[in-house]
Amino acid sequence: MALRSSNDLPMLPGARARAMLLLHNPDASVQDFVQVFTADPALAVSALAAANSAASAPVRPIASVREAVVRIGAQQARHIAVSSLMRSQFDARLQESWIEVGTFWEHCVVTGLVTEYLVGPGLAPGVSFTAGFLHDLGRLALVSENPFRYRQVLDLAKAGASVTAAERRIFGATHLVTGERLATKWGLPQAIIEATAHHHERDSSPVGLAVYHARRIGWKLGYGDGVLVPETVEVDEETGGVLRHFEGEDGLHGRVRWYAMAAGGAEPPTASAASGHG
């Protein structure tokens, strides 16, 4: 059963759709961020959890969203907001699909962080992270359409079929095509649209190519995608530079866990790697 048109794709509720667009506005102010986080309870909880974590080292408990946003800073606020918006929107359906939910979100976070590192400065704030984090947006769309049918995709993939071939067989479309359509429907920046469509290809836009490499690096470092699990961890020239940037495997893993837990509304663990990202 294929997703027949863009009308079949999930929509973000109005407040969340506006928040997603505002988060990638380079002119957004602190007050804009406060309004975004205050308007959505899931975002408010995520901001407060992050600001009160040991990694943020508050002198006293932070109880207001404004204080929380100031404490964690604009960059972390963008990252946590995008992560929290997606989790609150899709977590329930993911669980019904039998995808390993925690593993899937860590895969998204590490892809976002590594993409941001590979791209460097030059894009509008948050775009490179979001391109990496949302590269599997099409998978979320397919799961949202029918999580029980996505279980068949998992069965085929674990039996040796490629995920894209399995998706095409079960849904009539891959997560690449579906992701491009959904990112376009949501009005996301072009760099993010291209990343959702072409992250399996070397011949892609600069951001799409960065996401391609970020996925490979995450896989080599042991991050599965919620469907398949790497058999070994491989540290080579490609992964070595990334690990040096994140201060080693513990630094990268700590930052990934910090973002993933903050987005879920849980108090993140102590993670010195999360510092310096405010």
Protein backbone atom coordinates (compact mmCIF):
# COMPACT_ATOMS: atom_id res chain seq x y z
CA MET A 1 0.00 0.00 0.00
CA ALA A 2 1.66 3.24 -1.13
CA LEU A 3 1.30 6.71 0.26
CA ARG A 4 -0.76 8.01 -2.61
CA SER A 5 -0.21 11.77 -2.34
CA SER A 6 1.18 14.49 -0.11
CA ASN A 7 -2.24 14.61 1.56
CA ASP A 8 -1.49 11.16 3.01
CA LEU A 9 1.61 12.46 4.77
CA PRO A 10 1.48 13.50 8.44
CA MET A 11 1.20 17.19 9.29
CA LEU A 12 2.70 18.88 12.32
CA PRO A 13 0.11 20.68 14.45
CA GLY A 14 0.10 24.41 13.76
CA ALA A 15 2.15 25.47 16.79
CA ARG A 16 4.79 22.84 16.14
CA ALA A 17 4.97 23.69 12.44
CA ARG A 18 5.55 27.35 13.29
CA ALA A 19 8.15 26.33 15.86
CA MET A 20 10.05 24.22 13.32
CA LEU A 21 10.29 27.14 10.90
CA LEU A 22 11.24 29.64 13.59
CA LEU A 23 14.03 27.41 14.87
CA HIS A 24 15.83 27.84 11.55
CA ASN A 25 15.40 31.60 11.39
CA PRO A 26 18.87 33.14 11.86
CA ASP A 27 17.25 36.30 13.25
CA ALA A 28 15.33 34.51 16.00
CA SER A 29 15.70 36.19 19.40
CA VAL A 30 15.78 34.73 22.89
CA GLN A 31 12.17 35.81 23.30
CA ASP A 32 11.26 33.91 20.12
CA PHE A 33 12.80 30.76 21.59
CA VAL A 34 11.01 31.30 24.90
CA GLN A 35 7.68 31.58 23.07
CA VAL A 36 8.39 28.38 21.11
CA PHE A 37 9.25 26.39 24.23
CA THR A 38 6.42 27.85 26.29
CA ALA A 39 3.77 27.05 23.67
CA ASP A 40 4.44 23.30 23.73
CA PRO A 41 4.51 21.36 27.03
CA ALA A 42 6.89 18.73 25.62
CA LEU A 43 9.37 21.45 24.66
CA ALA A 44 9.04 23.19 28.01
CA VAL A 45 9.79 19.95 29.86
CA SER A 46 12.79 19.27 27.60
CA ALA A 47 14.25 22.74 28.15
CA LEU A 48 13.85 22.51 31.92
CA ALA A 49 15.32 18.99 32.02
CA ALA A 50 18.36 20.11 30.04
CA ALA A 51 18.88 23.30 32.05
CA ASN A 52 18.67 21.44 35.36
CA SER A 53 20.99 18.62 34.33
CA ALA A 54 24.34 18.16 35.97
CA ALA A 55 26.03 19.04 32.69
CA SER A 56 24.46 22.51 32.80
CA ALA A 57 25.57 22.93 36.43
CA PRO A 58 22.87 25.33 37.68
CA VAL A 59 23.59 26.93 41.06
CA ARG A 60 19.91 26.56 41.96
CA PRO A 61 16.98 24.73 40.36
CA ILE A 62 15.71 26.49 37.24
CA ALA A 63 11.93 26.72 37.14
CA SER A 64 11.16 29.10 34.27
CA VAL A 65 11.41 28.41 30.56
CA ARG A 66 13.13 31.76 29.96
CA GLU A 67 15.88 30.90 32.45
CA ALA A 68 16.19 27.44 30.91
CA VAL A 69 16.64 28.78 27.37
CA VAL A 70 19.24 31.32 28.54
CA ARG A 71 21.08 28.60 30.48
CA ILE A 72 21.36 26.07 27.66
CA GLY A 73 21.96 28.65 24.90
CA ALA A 74 20.56 29.07 21.39
CA GLN A 75 22.43 26.21 19.72
CA GLN A 76 21.46 23.58 22.26
CA ALA A 77 17.94 25.01 22.39
CA ARG A 78 17.55 24.50 18.64
CA HIS A 79 18.88 20.95 18.80
CA ILE A 80 16.73 19.95 21.77
CA ALA A 81 13.63 21.57 20.28
CA VAL A 82 13.93 19.72 16.96
CA SER A 83 14.58 16.44 18.78
CA SER A 84 11.73 16.93 21.23
CA LEU A 85 9.24 17.96 18.54
CA MET A 86 9.93 14.78 16.58
CA ARG A 87 9.86 12.51 19.59
CA SER A 88 6.58 13.85 20.89
CA GLN A 89 5.09 13.59 17.39
CA PHE A 90 6.24 10.08 16.46
CA ASP A 91 7.34 8.09 19.53
CA ALA A 92 4.08 6.19 19.99
CA ARG A 93 3.93 5.00 16.38
CA LEU A 94 7.61 4.05 16.42
CA GLN A 95 7.01 1.80 19.40
CA GLU A 96 4.18 0.05 17.53
CA SER A 97 6.49 -0.56 14.56
CA TRP A 98 9.01 -2.60 16.61
CA ILE A 99 11.82 -0.24 15.62
CA GLU A 100 14.20 0.09 18.59
CA VAL A 101 13.04 3.55 19.60
CA GLY A 102 15.97 4.63 21.78
CA THR A 103 18.49 3.36 19.25
CA PHE A 104 16.69 5.13 16.42
CA TRP A 105 16.76 8.52 18.18
CA GLU A 106 20.42 8.14 19.14
CA HIS A 107 21.12 7.38 15.48
CA CYS A 108 19.35 10.62 14.54
CA VAL A 109 21.24 12.64 17.15
CA VAL A 110 24.69 11.32 16.24
CA THR A 111 23.98 11.88 12.54
CA GLY A 112 22.93 15.45 13.33
CA LEU A 113 25.97 16.19 15.48
CA VAL A 114 28.46 14.71 13.01
CA THR A 115 26.76 16.45 10.06
CA GLU A 116 27.06 19.75 11.91
CA TYR A 117 30.78 19.10 12.48
CA LEU A 118 31.42 18.09 8.85
CA VAL A 119 29.54 21.05 7.35
CA GLY A 120 31.03 23.64 9.69
CA PRO A 121 29.83 27.25 9.77
CA GLY A 122 28.11 28.85 6.81
CA LEU A 123 24.53 27.58 6.92
CA ALA A 124 21.70 29.21 8.82
CA PRO A 125 21.84 28.21 12.50
CA GLY A 126 20.63 24.69 13.17
CA VAL A 127 20.17 23.66 9.53
CA SER A 128 23.07 21.19 9.32
CA PHE A 129 22.13 19.50 12.61
CA THR A 130 18.48 19.28 11.58
CA ALA A 131 19.42 17.90 8.16
CA GLY A 132 21.29 15.09 9.88
CA PHE A 133 18.71 14.55 12.59
CA LEU A 134 15.79 14.45 10.13
CA HIS A 135 17.47 12.44 7.38
CA ASP A 136 15.18 9.49 8.20
CA LEU A 137 12.06 11.66 8.25
CA GLY A 138 10.59 9.43 5.53
CA ARG A 139 10.87 6.42 7.81
CA LEU A 140 8.84 8.29 10.41
CA ALA A 141 6.24 9.07 7.73
CA LEU A 142 5.96 5.41 6.70
CA VAL A 143 5.72 4.29 10.33
CA SER A 144 3.07 6.94 10.94
CA GLU A 145 1.08 5.66 7.96
CA ASN A 146 1.03 2.08 9.27
CA PRO A 147 3.45 0.93 12.02
CA PHE A 148 2.24 -2.65 11.75
CA ARG A 149 3.15 -2.84 8.06
CA TYR A 150 6.57 -1.41 8.90
CA ARG A 151 7.12 -4.52 11.01
CA GLN A 152 7.16 -6.40 7.70
CA VAL A 153 9.93 -4.07 6.50
CA LEU A 154 11.97 -4.98 9.58
CA ASP A 155 11.42 -8.69 8.98
CA LEU A 156 12.58 -8.41 5.38
CA ALA A 157 15.61 -6.30 6.33
CA LYS A 158 16.68 -8.71 9.04
CA ALA A 159 16.34 -11.53 6.49
CA GLY A 160 18.86 -9.79 4.22
CA ALA A 161 16.85 -7.41 2.03
CA SER A 162 17.92 -3.77 1.84
CA VAL A 163 15.68 -1.47 3.85
CA THR A 164 14.79 0.58 0.79
CA ALA A 165 13.86 -2.52 -1.21
CA ALA A 166 11.73 -3.76 1.68
CA GLU A 167 9.98 -0.38 2.00
CA ARG A 168 9.28 -0.27 -1.71
CA ARG A 169 7.80 -3.77 -1.57
CA ILE A 170 5.57 -3.09 1.45
CA PHE A 171 4.66 0.58 0.98
CA GLY A 172 5.34 1.19 -2.71
CA ALA A 173 7.79 3.98 -1.80
CA THR A 174 11.10 4.31 0.06
CA HIS A 175 11.81 6.53 3.03
CA LEU A 176 14.00 8.64 0.71
CA VAL A 177 11.12 9.60 -1.57
CA THR A 178 8.66 9.91 1.29
CA GLY A 179 11.07 12.00 3.34
CA GLU A 180 11.61 14.46 0.50
CA ARG A 181 7.86 14.84 0.05
CA LEU A 182 7.22 15.34 3.76
CA ALA A 183 10.08 17.84 4.23
CA THR A 184 8.73 19.78 1.25
CA LYS A 185 5.19 19.68 2.66
CA TRP A 186 6.45 21.02 5.97
CA GLY A 187 8.24 23.89 4.23
CA LEU A 188 11.68 22.97 5.61
CA PRO A 189 14.85 24.58 4.21
CA GLN A 190 16.09 23.19 0.89
CA ALA A 191 19.26 21.75 2.44
CA ILE A 192 17.13 19.59 4.75
CA ILE A 193 14.86 18.49 1.88
CA GLU A 194 17.91 17.39 -0.15
CA ALA A 195 19.36 15.50 2.81
CA THR A 196 16.17 13.49 3.34
CA ALA A 197 16.14 12.55 -0.35
CA HIS A 198 19.81 11.84 -1.06
CA HIS A 199 21.54 10.71 2.12
CA HIS A 200 22.25 7.29 0.59
CA GLU A 201 24.19 8.87 -2.28
CA ARG A 202 27.72 10.19 -2.63
CA ASP A 203 26.60 12.37 -5.53
CA SER A 204 24.55 14.81 -3.51
CA SER A 205 24.41 18.40 -2.31
CA PRO A 206 27.12 19.46 0.18
CA VAL A 207 24.78 18.93 3.12
CA GLY A 208 23.41 15.68 1.68
CA LEU A 209 26.98 14.43 1.24
CA ALA A 210 27.80 15.37 4.82
CA VAL A 211 24.77 13.41 6.03
CA TYR A 212 25.87 10.44 3.91
CA HIS A 213 29.27 10.45 5.61
CA ALA A 214 27.77 11.14 9.05
CA ARG A 215 25.59 8.03 8.74
CA ARG A 216 28.62 5.95 7.79
CA ILE A 217 30.65 7.33 10.68
CA GLY A 218 27.86 6.71 13.17
CA TRP A 219 27.53 3.14 11.93
CA LYS A 220 31.28 2.55 12.23
CA LEU A 221 31.15 3.82 15.81
CA GLY A 222 28.44 1.34 16.75
CA TYR A 223 25.25 3.36 16.29
CA GLY A 224 22.54 1.22 14.73
CA ASP A 225 19.46 2.78 13.17
CA GLY A 226 16.78 0.97 15.11
CA VAL A 227 16.46 -1.63 12.36
CA LEU A 228 19.95 -3.10 12.04
CA VAL A 229 22.88 -3.19 14.45
CA PRO A 230 26.58 -2.85 13.52
CA GLU A 231 28.56 -5.99 14.26
CA THR A 232 31.79 -4.18 15.14
CA VAL A 233 33.11 -0.74 16.04
CA GLU A 234 35.66 0.55 13.55
CA VAL A 235 37.97 3.45 14.34
CA ASP A 236 39.79 4.58 11.20
CA GLU A 237 40.95 7.83 9.59
CA GLU A 238 37.36 8.87 8.83
CA THR A 239 36.09 8.32 12.35
CA GLY A 240 39.30 9.44 14.06
CA GLY A 241 38.89 13.12 13.16
CA VAL A 242 35.32 13.10 14.42
CA LEU A 243 36.31 11.50 17.70
CA ARG A 244 39.07 14.04 18.23
CA HIS A 245 36.54 16.84 17.74
CA PHE A 246 34.17 15.32 20.30
CA GLU A 247 37.01 14.47 22.71
CA GLY A 248 36.92 10.72 22.17
CA GLU A 249 34.28 8.03 22.10
CA ASP A 250 33.12 8.83 25.63
CA GLY A 251 32.72 12.49 24.69
CA LEU A 252 30.63 11.71 21.63
CA HIS A 253 28.53 9.07 23.38
CA GLY A 254 27.96 11.39 26.34
CA ARG A 255 26.75 14.20 24.10
CA VAL A 256 24.46 11.88 22.14
CA ARG A 257 22.91 10.51 25.33
CA TRP A 258 22.55 14.03 26.73
CA TYR A 259 20.58 15.29 23.74
CA ALA A 260 18.51 12.13 23.39
CA MET A 261 17.47 12.15 27.04
CA ALA A 262 16.81 15.89 27.14
CA ALA A 263 14.56 15.58 24.08
CA GLY A 264 12.62 12.87 25.86
CA GLY A 265 12.07 15.10 28.89
CA ALA A 266 14.32 13.09 31.21
CA GLU A 267 17.10 14.79 33.12
CA PRO A 268 20.23 14.13 31.04
CA PRO A 269 23.22 12.42 32.64
CA THR A 270 26.34 14.28 33.64
CA ALA A 271 28.16 14.86 30.39
CA SER A 272 31.09 17.20 30.15
CA ALA A 273 30.87 16.67 26.40
CA ALA A 274 27.63 18.59 26.37
CA SER A 275 29.43 21.71 27.50
CA GLY A 276 30.78 24.10 24.92
CA HIS A 277 27.67 23.73 22.83
CA GLY A 278 25.78 26.66 24.24
